[in-house]
Amino acid sequence: MPGIVTLAAEVTNVSKHGFWLVLDDEELVVPFSAFPWFKSAMIEQLSDVERPTDNHLYWPALDVDLSVESIRTPESFPLIAKAPGCPV
């Protein structure tokens, strides 16, 4: 009987510039300059990340959905929404 497939995502470090996210054996940097929704988040909110599919991440406490590809190549995904109070 096959087991349940789980896709893990883990926040490993947070700085004033962004945070680091490990997906399988890949580590990605999520800079606040490219992803302003996370800048005012508490570490607990950043760490509460779900990975429903291989290319989809969701932060329920922040109601933020992102594709993994948008983190890998943010220049390919222009900002469409602004974070509240963010001039970006």
PDB file of N, CA and C in Angstrom:
ATOM      1  N   MET A   1       0.852  -1.175   0.000  1.00  0.00           N
ATOM      2  CA  MET A   1       0.000   0.000   0.000  1.00  0.00           C
ATOM      3  C   MET A   1       0.898   1.239   0.000  1.00  0.00           C
ATOM      4  N   PRO A   2       0.731   2.129  -0.985  1.00  0.00           N
ATOM      5  CA  PRO A   2       1.586   3.308  -1.048  1.00  0.00           C
ATOM      6  C   PRO A   2       1.273   4.293   0.075  1.00  0.00           C
ATOM      7  N   GLY A   3       2.314   5.023   0.490  1.00  0.00           N
ATOM      8  CA  GLY A   3       2.145   6.036   1.529  1.00  0.00           C
ATOM      9  C   GLY A   3       1.619   7.341   0.953  1.00  0.00           C
ATOM     10  N   ILE A   4       1.382   8.264   1.828  1.00  0.00           N
ATOM     11  CA  ILE A   4       0.902   9.588   1.440  1.00  0.00           C
ATOM     12  C   ILE A   4       2.093  10.417   0.964  1.00  0.00           C
ATOM     13  N   VAL A   5       1.959  11.026  -0.187  1.00  0.00           N
ATOM     14  CA  VAL A   5       3.008  11.881  -0.712  1.00  0.00           C
ATOM     15  C   VAL A   5       2.923  13.235  -0.016  1.00  0.00           C
ATOM     16  N   THR A   6       4.042  13.672   0.563  1.00  0.00           N
ATOM     17  CA  THR A   6       4.078  14.984   1.191  1.00  0.00           C
ATOM     18  C   THR A   6       5.180  15.803   0.539  1.00  0.00           C
ATOM     19  N   LEU A   7       4.870  17.016   0.231  1.00  0.00           N
ATOM     20  CA  LEU A   7       5.838  17.932  -0.350  1.00  0.00           C
ATOM     21  C   LEU A   7       6.212  18.942   0.723  1.00  0.00           C
ATOM     22  N   ALA A   8       7.463  18.921   1.118  1.00  0.00           N
ATOM     23  CA  ALA A   8       7.894  19.774   2.218  1.00  0.00           C
ATOM     24  C   ALA A   8       8.439  21.107   1.722  1.00  0.00           C
ATOM     25  N   ALA A   9       8.208  22.110   2.527  1.00  0.00           N
ATOM     26  CA  ALA A   9       8.791  23.437   2.344  1.00  0.00           C
ATOM     27  C   ALA A   9       9.164  23.917   3.733  1.00  0.00           C
ATOM     28  N   GLU A  10      10.388  24.416   3.877  1.00  0.00           N
ATOM     29  CA  GLU A  10      10.850  24.830   5.197  1.00  0.00           C
ATOM     30  C   GLU A  10      11.597  26.155   5.118  1.00  0.00           C
ATOM     31  N   VAL A  11      11.241  27.089   5.974  1.00  0.00           N
ATOM     32  CA  VAL A  11      11.974  28.344   6.101  1.00  0.00           C
ATOM     33  C   VAL A  11      13.143  28.082   7.036  1.00  0.00           C
ATOM     34  N   THR A  12      14.361  28.376   6.563  1.00  0.00           N
ATOM     35  CA  THR A  12      15.551  28.057   7.355  1.00  0.00           C
ATOM     36  C   THR A  12      16.261  29.268   7.930  1.00  0.00           C
ATOM     37  N   ASN A  13      16.006  30.446   7.388  1.00  0.00           N
ATOM     38  CA  ASN A  13      16.694  31.646   7.870  1.00  0.00           C
ATOM     39  C   ASN A  13      15.864  32.863   7.488  1.00  0.00           C
ATOM     40  N   VAL A  14      15.920  33.883   8.338  1.00  0.00           N
ATOM     41  CA  VAL A  14      15.222  35.141   8.072  1.00  0.00           C
ATOM     42  C   VAL A  14      16.190  36.273   8.388  1.00  0.00           C
ATOM     43  N   SER A  15      16.279  37.252   7.490  1.00  0.00           N
ATOM     44  CA  SER A  15      17.087  38.444   7.744  1.00  0.00           C
ATOM     45  C   SER A  15      16.245  39.665   7.409  1.00  0.00           C
ATOM     46  N   LYS A  16      16.809  40.841   7.557  1.00  0.00           N
ATOM     47  CA  LYS A  16      16.054  42.055   7.230  1.00  0.00           C
ATOM     48  C   LYS A  16      15.857  42.207   5.719  1.00  0.00           C
ATOM     49  N   HIS A  17      16.559  41.398   4.925  1.00  0.00           N
ATOM     50  CA  HIS A  17      16.462  41.475   3.469  1.00  0.00           C
ATOM     51  C   HIS A  17      15.526  40.438   2.853  1.00  0.00           C
ATOM     52  N   GLY A  18      15.228  39.361   3.596  1.00  0.00           N
ATOM     53  CA  GLY A  18      14.377  38.316   3.056  1.00  0.00           C
ATOM     54  C   GLY A  18      14.481  37.050   3.876  1.00  0.00           C
ATOM     55  N   PHE A  19      14.042  35.946   3.291  1.00  0.00           N
ATOM     56  CA  PHE A  19      14.146  34.669   3.993  1.00  0.00           C
ATOM     57  C   PHE A  19      14.522  33.561   3.012  1.00  0.00           C
ATOM     58  N   TRP A  20      15.027  32.466   3.572  1.00  0.00           N
ATOM     59  CA  TRP A  20      15.493  31.329   2.797  1.00  0.00           C
ATOM     60  C   TRP A  20      14.496  30.190   2.953  1.00  0.00           C
ATOM     61  N   LEU A  21      14.210  29.564   1.849  1.00  0.00           N
ATOM     62  CA  LEU A  21      13.201  28.525   1.795  1.00  0.00           C
ATOM     63  C   LEU A  21      13.822  27.278   1.165  1.00  0.00           C
ATOM     64  N   VAL A  22      13.708  26.138   1.844  1.00  0.00           N
ATOM     65  CA  VAL A  22      14.221  24.882   1.309  1.00  0.00           C
ATOM     66  C   VAL A  22      13.051  24.064   0.774  1.00  0.00           C
ATOM     67  N   LEU A  23      13.179  23.668  -0.493  1.00  0.00           N
ATOM     68  CA  LEU A  23      12.202  22.811  -1.163  1.00  0.00           C
ATOM     69  C   LEU A  23      12.970  21.593  -1.669  1.00  0.00           C
ATOM     70  N   ASP A  24      12.686  20.447  -1.108  1.00  0.00           N
ATOM     71  CA  ASP A  24      13.425  19.230  -1.445  1.00  0.00           C
ATOM     72  C   ASP A  24      14.914  19.485  -1.212  1.00  0.00           C
ATOM     73  N   ASP A  25      15.736  19.428  -2.260  1.00  0.00           N
ATOM     74  CA  ASP A  25      17.169  19.683  -2.088  1.00  0.00           C
ATOM     75  C   ASP A  25      17.594  21.027  -2.686  1.00  0.00           C
ATOM     76  N   GLU A  26      16.634  21.926  -2.855  1.00  0.00           N
ATOM     77  CA  GLU A  26      16.889  23.257  -3.416  1.00  0.00           C
ATOM     78  C   GLU A  26      16.639  24.323  -2.355  1.00  0.00           C
ATOM     79  N   GLU A  27      17.558  25.297  -2.262  1.00  0.00           N
ATOM     80  CA  GLU A  27      17.360  26.418  -1.346  1.00  0.00           C
ATOM     81  C   GLU A  27      17.140  27.685  -2.162  1.00  0.00           C
ATOM     82  N   LEU A  28      16.048  28.390  -1.869  1.00  0.00           N
ATOM     83  CA  LEU A  28      15.696  29.606  -2.584  1.00  0.00           C
ATOM     84  C   LEU A  28      15.697  30.787  -1.620  1.00  0.00           C
ATOM     85  N   VAL A  29      16.111  31.936  -2.120  1.00  0.00           N
ATOM     86  CA  VAL A  29      16.045  33.172  -1.347  1.00  0.00           C
ATOM     87  C   VAL A  29      14.802  33.918  -1.788  1.00  0.00           C
ATOM     88  N   VAL A  30      14.021  34.384  -0.806  1.00  0.00           N
ATOM     89  CA  VAL A  30      12.804  35.150  -1.081  1.00  0.00           C
ATOM     90  C   VAL A  30      13.063  36.575  -0.576  1.00  0.00           C
ATOM     91  N   PRO A  31      13.545  37.469  -1.459  1.00  0.00           N
ATOM     92  CA  PRO A  31      13.853  38.832  -1.021  1.00  0.00           C
ATOM     93  C   PRO A  31      12.590  39.656  -0.800  1.00  0.00           C
ATOM     94  N   PHE A  32      12.581  40.442   0.272  1.00  0.00           N
ATOM     95  CA  PHE A  32      11.426  41.289   0.559  1.00  0.00           C
ATOM     96  C   PHE A  32      11.218  42.348  -0.526  1.00  0.00           C
ATOM     97  N   SER A  33      12.287  42.737  -1.208  1.00  0.00           N
ATOM     98  CA  SER A  33      12.148  43.738  -2.271  1.00  0.00           C
ATOM     99  C   SER A  33      11.294  43.208  -3.425  1.00  0.00           C
ATOM    100  N   ALA A  34      11.367  41.907  -3.698  1.00  0.00           N
ATOM    101  CA  ALA A  34      10.576  41.307  -4.769  1.00  0.00           C
ATOM    102  C   ALA A  34       9.239  40.761  -4.270  1.00  0.00           C
ATOM    103  N   PHE A  35       9.158  40.483  -2.970  1.00  0.00           N
ATOM    104  CA  PHE A  35       7.953  39.889  -2.377  1.00  0.00           C
ATOM    105  C   PHE A  35       7.570  40.677  -1.115  1.00  0.00           C
ATOM    106  N   PRO A  36       7.072  41.908  -1.297  1.00  0.00           N
ATOM    107  CA  PRO A  36       6.822  42.806  -0.157  1.00  0.00           C
ATOM    108  C   PRO A  36       5.742  42.317   0.807  1.00  0.00           C
ATOM    109  N   TRP A  37       4.928  41.337   0.400  1.00  0.00           N
ATOM    110  CA  TRP A  37       3.871  40.821   1.272  1.00  0.00           C
ATOM    111  C   TRP A  37       4.434  40.209   2.545  1.00  0.00           C
ATOM    112  N   PHE A  38       5.688  39.782   2.487  1.00  0.00           N
ATOM    113  CA  PHE A  38       6.292  39.090   3.618  1.00  0.00           C
ATOM    114  C   PHE A  38       7.060  40.007   4.568  1.00  0.00           C
ATOM    115  N   LYS A  39       7.314  41.236   4.168  1.00  0.00           N
ATOM    116  CA  LYS A  39       8.217  42.114   4.922  1.00  0.00           C
ATOM    117  C   LYS A  39       7.789  42.356   6.370  1.00  0.00           C
ATOM    118  N   SER A  40       6.523  42.503   6.631  1.00  0.00           N
ATOM    119  CA  SER A  40       6.052  42.776   7.996  1.00  0.00           C
ATOM    120  C   SER A  40       5.572  41.520   8.722  1.00  0.00           C
ATOM    121  N   ALA A  41       5.748  40.378   8.098  1.00  0.00           N
ATOM    122  CA  ALA A  41       5.267  39.125   8.696  1.00  0.00           C
ATOM    123  C   ALA A  41       6.142  38.706   9.872  1.00  0.00           C
ATOM    124  N   MET A  42       5.526  38.047  10.828  1.00  0.00           N
ATOM    125  CA  MET A  42       6.270  37.474  11.942  1.00  0.00           C
ATOM    126  C   MET A  42       6.887  36.152  11.477  1.00  0.00           C
ATOM    127  N   ILE A  43       7.945  35.737  12.135  1.00  0.00           N
ATOM    128  CA  ILE A  43       8.629  34.497  11.766  1.00  0.00           C
ATOM    129  C   ILE A  43       7.655  33.319  11.794  1.00  0.00           C
ATOM    130  N   GLU A  44       6.773  33.288  12.763  1.00  0.00           N
ATOM    131  CA  GLU A  44       5.780  32.214  12.847  1.00  0.00           C
ATOM    132  C   GLU A  44       4.910  32.174  11.583  1.00  0.00           C
ATOM    133  N   GLN A  45       4.551  33.343  11.057  1.00  0.00           N
ATOM    134  CA  GLN A  45       3.733  33.399   9.843  1.00  0.00           C
ATOM    135  C   GLN A  45       4.529  32.956   8.611  1.00  0.00           C
ATOM    136  N   LEU A  46       5.801  33.358   8.544  1.00  0.00           N
ATOM    137  CA  LEU A  46       6.646  32.941   7.425  1.00  0.00           C
ATOM    138  C   LEU A  46       6.881  31.439   7.439  1.00  0.00           C
ATOM    139  N   SER A  47       7.058  30.886   8.630  1.00  0.00           N
ATOM    140  CA  SER A  47       7.368  29.461   8.774  1.00  0.00           C
ATOM    141  C   SER A  47       6.168  28.563   8.498  1.00  0.00           C
ATOM    142  N   ASP A  48       4.987  29.117   8.563  1.00  0.00           N
ATOM    143  CA  ASP A  48       3.773  28.340   8.321  1.00  0.00           C
ATOM    144  C   ASP A  48       3.483  28.313   6.820  1.00  0.00           C
ATOM    145  N   VAL A  49       4.278  27.539   6.090  1.00  0.00           N
ATOM    146  CA  VAL A  49       4.143  27.462   4.634  1.00  0.00           C
ATOM    147  C   VAL A  49       3.723  26.054   4.244  1.00  0.00           C
ATOM    148  N   GLU A  50       2.770  26.005   3.331  1.00  0.00           N
ATOM    149  CA  GLU A  50       2.274  24.729   2.816  1.00  0.00           C
ATOM    150  C   GLU A  50       2.687  24.605   1.353  1.00  0.00           C
ATOM    151  N   ARG A  51       2.824  23.367   0.918  1.00  0.00           N
ATOM    152  CA  ARG A  51       3.187  23.103  -0.477  1.00  0.00           C
ATOM    153  C   ARG A  51       2.193  22.090  -1.052  1.00  0.00           C
ATOM    154  N   PRO A  52       1.024  22.565  -1.472  1.00  0.00           N
ATOM    155  CA  PRO A  52      -0.015  21.660  -1.956  1.00  0.00           C
ATOM    156  C   PRO A  52       0.386  20.870  -3.202  1.00  0.00           C
ATOM    157  N   THR A  53       1.181  21.497  -4.069  1.00  0.00           N
ATOM    158  CA  THR A  53       1.693  20.807  -5.252  1.00  0.00           C
ATOM    159  C   THR A  53       3.159  21.162  -5.417  1.00  0.00           C
ATOM    160  N   ASP A  54       3.811  20.513  -6.356  1.00  0.00           N
ATOM    161  CA  ASP A  54       5.238  20.711  -6.575  1.00  0.00           C
ATOM    162  C   ASP A  54       5.614  22.166  -6.858  1.00  0.00           C
ATOM    163  N   ASN A  55       4.727  22.913  -7.531  1.00  0.00           N
ATOM    164  CA  ASN A  55       5.045  24.289  -7.922  1.00  0.00           C
ATOM    165  C   ASN A  55       4.135  25.328  -7.263  1.00  0.00           C
ATOM    166  N   HIS A  56       3.522  24.979  -6.135  1.00  0.00           N
ATOM    167  CA  HIS A  56       2.600  25.909  -5.483  1.00  0.00           C
ATOM    168  C   HIS A  56       2.912  25.985  -3.994  1.00  0.00           C
ATOM    169  N   LEU A  57       3.091  27.202  -3.505  1.00  0.00           N
ATOM    170  CA  LEU A  57       3.313  27.449  -2.076  1.00  0.00           C
ATOM    171  C   LEU A  57       2.193  28.327  -1.547  1.00  0.00           C
ATOM    172  N   TYR A  58       1.824  28.087  -0.297  1.00  0.00           N
ATOM    173  CA  TYR A  58       0.738  28.854   0.313  1.00  0.00           C
ATOM    174  C   TYR A  58       1.069  29.141   1.772  1.00  0.00           C
ATOM    175  N   TRP A  59       0.939  30.408   2.166  1.00  0.00           N
ATOM    176  CA  TRP A  59       1.110  30.850   3.543  1.00  0.00           C
ATOM    177  C   TRP A  59      -0.276  31.203   4.073  1.00  0.00           C
ATOM    178  N   PRO A  60      -0.935  30.290   4.803  1.00  0.00           N
ATOM    179  CA  PRO A  60      -2.320  30.521   5.234  1.00  0.00           C
ATOM    180  C   PRO A  60      -2.490  31.724   6.151  1.00  0.00           C
ATOM    181  N   ALA A  61      -1.561  31.964   7.046  1.00  0.00           N
ATOM    182  CA  ALA A  61      -1.696  33.087   7.978  1.00  0.00           C
ATOM    183  C   ALA A  61      -1.596  34.435   7.262  1.00  0.00           C
ATOM    184  N   LEU A  62      -0.952  34.443   6.101  1.00  0.00           N
ATOM    185  CA  LEU A  62      -0.785  35.679   5.338  1.00  0.00           C
ATOM    186  C   LEU A  62      -1.685  35.722   4.101  1.00  0.00           C
ATOM    187  N   ASP A  63      -2.343  34.611   3.802  1.00  0.00           N
ATOM    188  CA  ASP A  63      -3.168  34.456   2.611  1.00  0.00           C
ATOM    189  C   ASP A  63      -2.389  34.816   1.346  1.00  0.00           C
ATOM    190  N   VAL A  64      -1.171  34.251   1.239  1.00  0.00           N
ATOM    191  CA  VAL A  64      -0.301  34.485   0.090  1.00  0.00           C
ATOM    192  C   VAL A  64      -0.098  33.163  -0.637  1.00  0.00           C
ATOM    193  N   ASP A  65      -0.352  33.170  -1.941  1.00  0.00           N
ATOM    194  CA  ASP A  65      -0.110  32.036  -2.834  1.00  0.00           C
ATOM    195  C   ASP A  65       0.982  32.442  -3.816  1.00  0.00           C
ATOM    196  N   LEU A  66       1.966  31.571  -4.011  1.00  0.00           N
ATOM    197  CA  LEU A  66       3.016  31.838  -4.993  1.00  0.00           C
ATOM    198  C   LEU A  66       3.357  30.565  -5.739  1.00  0.00           C
ATOM    199  N   SER A  67       3.759  30.729  -6.979  1.00  0.00           N
ATOM    200  CA  SER A  67       4.340  29.590  -7.685  1.00  0.00           C
ATOM    201  C   SER A  67       5.830  29.557  -7.338  1.00  0.00           C
ATOM    202  N   VAL A  68       6.383  28.376  -7.275  1.00  0.00           N
ATOM    203  CA  VAL A  68       7.816  28.228  -6.984  1.00  0.00           C
ATOM    204  C   VAL A  68       8.622  28.936  -8.068  1.00  0.00           C
ATOM    205  N   GLU A  69       8.158  28.855  -9.298  1.00  0.00           N
ATOM    206  CA  GLU A  69       8.871  29.488 -10.408  1.00  0.00           C
ATOM    207  C   GLU A  69       8.966  31.003 -10.227  1.00  0.00           C
ATOM    208  N   SER A  70       7.978  31.626  -9.599  1.00  0.00           N
ATOM    209  CA  SER A  70       8.038  33.082  -9.374  1.00  0.00           C
ATOM    210  C   SER A  70       9.129  33.448  -8.379  1.00  0.00           C
ATOM    211  N   ILE A  71       9.506  32.519  -7.516  1.00  0.00           N
ATOM    212  CA  ILE A  71      10.613  32.765  -6.584  1.00  0.00           C
ATOM    213  C   ILE A  71      11.941  32.544  -7.298  1.00  0.00           C
ATOM    214  N   ARG A  72      11.982  31.522  -8.131  1.00  0.00           N
ATOM    215  CA  ARG A  72      13.222  31.243  -8.883  1.00  0.00           C
ATOM    216  C   ARG A  72      13.564  32.379  -9.844  1.00  0.00           C
ATOM    217  N   THR A  73      12.567  32.913 -10.529  1.00  0.00           N
ATOM    218  CA  THR A  73      12.792  33.976 -11.523  1.00  0.00           C
ATOM    219  C   THR A  73      11.759  35.087 -11.354  1.00  0.00           C
ATOM    220  N   PRO A  74      11.886  35.881 -10.284  1.00  0.00           N
ATOM    221  CA  PRO A  74      10.888  36.930 -10.027  1.00  0.00           C
ATOM    222  C   PRO A  74      10.788  37.965 -11.147  1.00  0.00           C
ATOM    223  N   GLU A  75      11.860  38.153 -11.911  1.00  0.00           N
ATOM    224  CA  GLU A  75      11.816  39.124 -12.999  1.00  0.00           C
ATOM    225  C   GLU A  75      10.840  38.703 -14.099  1.00  0.00           C
ATOM    226  N   SER A  76      10.505  37.429 -14.154  1.00  0.00           N
ATOM    227  CA  SER A  76       9.543  36.935 -15.143  1.00  0.00           C
ATOM    228  C   SER A  76       8.096  37.128 -14.703  1.00  0.00           C
ATOM    229  N   PHE A  77       7.912  37.557 -13.450  1.00  0.00           N
ATOM    230  CA  PHE A  77       6.568  37.705 -12.885  1.00  0.00           C
ATOM    231  C   PHE A  77       6.434  39.114 -12.296  1.00  0.00           C
ATOM    232  N   PRO A  78       6.042  40.092 -13.112  1.00  0.00           N
ATOM    233  CA  PRO A  78       5.931  41.453 -12.585  1.00  0.00           C
ATOM    234  C   PRO A  78       4.891  41.535 -11.466  1.00  0.00           C
ATOM    235  N   LEU A  79       5.164  42.390 -10.516  1.00  0.00           N
ATOM    236  CA  LEU A  79       4.263  42.578  -9.387  1.00  0.00           C
ATOM    237  C   LEU A  79       2.908  43.065  -9.867  1.00  0.00           C
ATOM    238  N   ILE A  80       1.869  42.411  -9.406  1.00  0.00           N
ATOM    239  CA  ILE A  80       0.518  42.814  -9.789  1.00  0.00           C
ATOM    240  C   ILE A  80      -0.211  43.445  -8.613  1.00  0.00           C
ATOM    241  N   ALA A  81       0.046  42.948  -7.411  1.00  0.00           N
ATOM    242  CA  ALA A  81      -0.614  43.465  -6.217  1.00  0.00           C
ATOM    243  C   ALA A  81       0.411  44.130  -5.327  1.00  0.00           C
ATOM    244  N   LYS A  82      -0.066  45.049  -4.490  1.00  0.00           N
ATOM    245  CA  LYS A  82       0.804  45.721  -3.528  1.00  0.00           C
ATOM    246  C   LYS A  82       0.456  45.234  -2.135  1.00  0.00           C
ATOM    247  N   ALA A  83       1.465  45.172  -1.305  1.00  0.00           N
ATOM    248  CA  ALA A  83       1.222  44.894   0.104  1.00  0.00           C
ATOM    249  C   ALA A  83       0.640  46.155   0.727  1.00  0.00           C
ATOM    250  N   PRO A  84      -0.258  46.029   1.712  1.00  0.00           N
ATOM    251  CA  PRO A  84      -0.818  47.213   2.354  1.00  0.00           C
ATOM    252  C   PRO A  84       0.287  48.100   2.917  1.00  0.00           C
ATOM    253  N   GLY A  85       0.235  49.365   2.592  1.00  0.00           N
ATOM    254  CA  GLY A  85       1.217  50.330   3.095  1.00  0.00           C
ATOM    255  C   GLY A  85       2.556  50.258   2.412  1.00  0.00           C
ATOM    256  N   CYS A  86       2.688  49.476   1.346  1.00  0.00           N
ATOM    257  CA  CYS A  86       3.961  49.321   0.642  1.00  0.00           C
ATOM    258  C   CYS A  86       3.957  50.174  -0.609  1.00  0.00           C
ATOM    259  N   PRO A  87       4.967  51.021  -0.820  1.00  0.00           N
ATOM    260  CA  PRO A  87       4.983  51.915  -1.966  1.00  0.00           C
ATOM    261  C   PRO A  87       5.357  51.226  -3.277  1.00  0.00           C
ATOM    262  N   VAL A  88       5.658  49.926  -3.258  1.00  0.00           N
ATOM    263  CA  VAL A  88       6.106  49.223  -4.466  1.00  0.00           C
ATOM    264  C   VAL A  88       4.989  49.109  -5.464  1.00  0.00           C
TER     265      VAL A  88
END
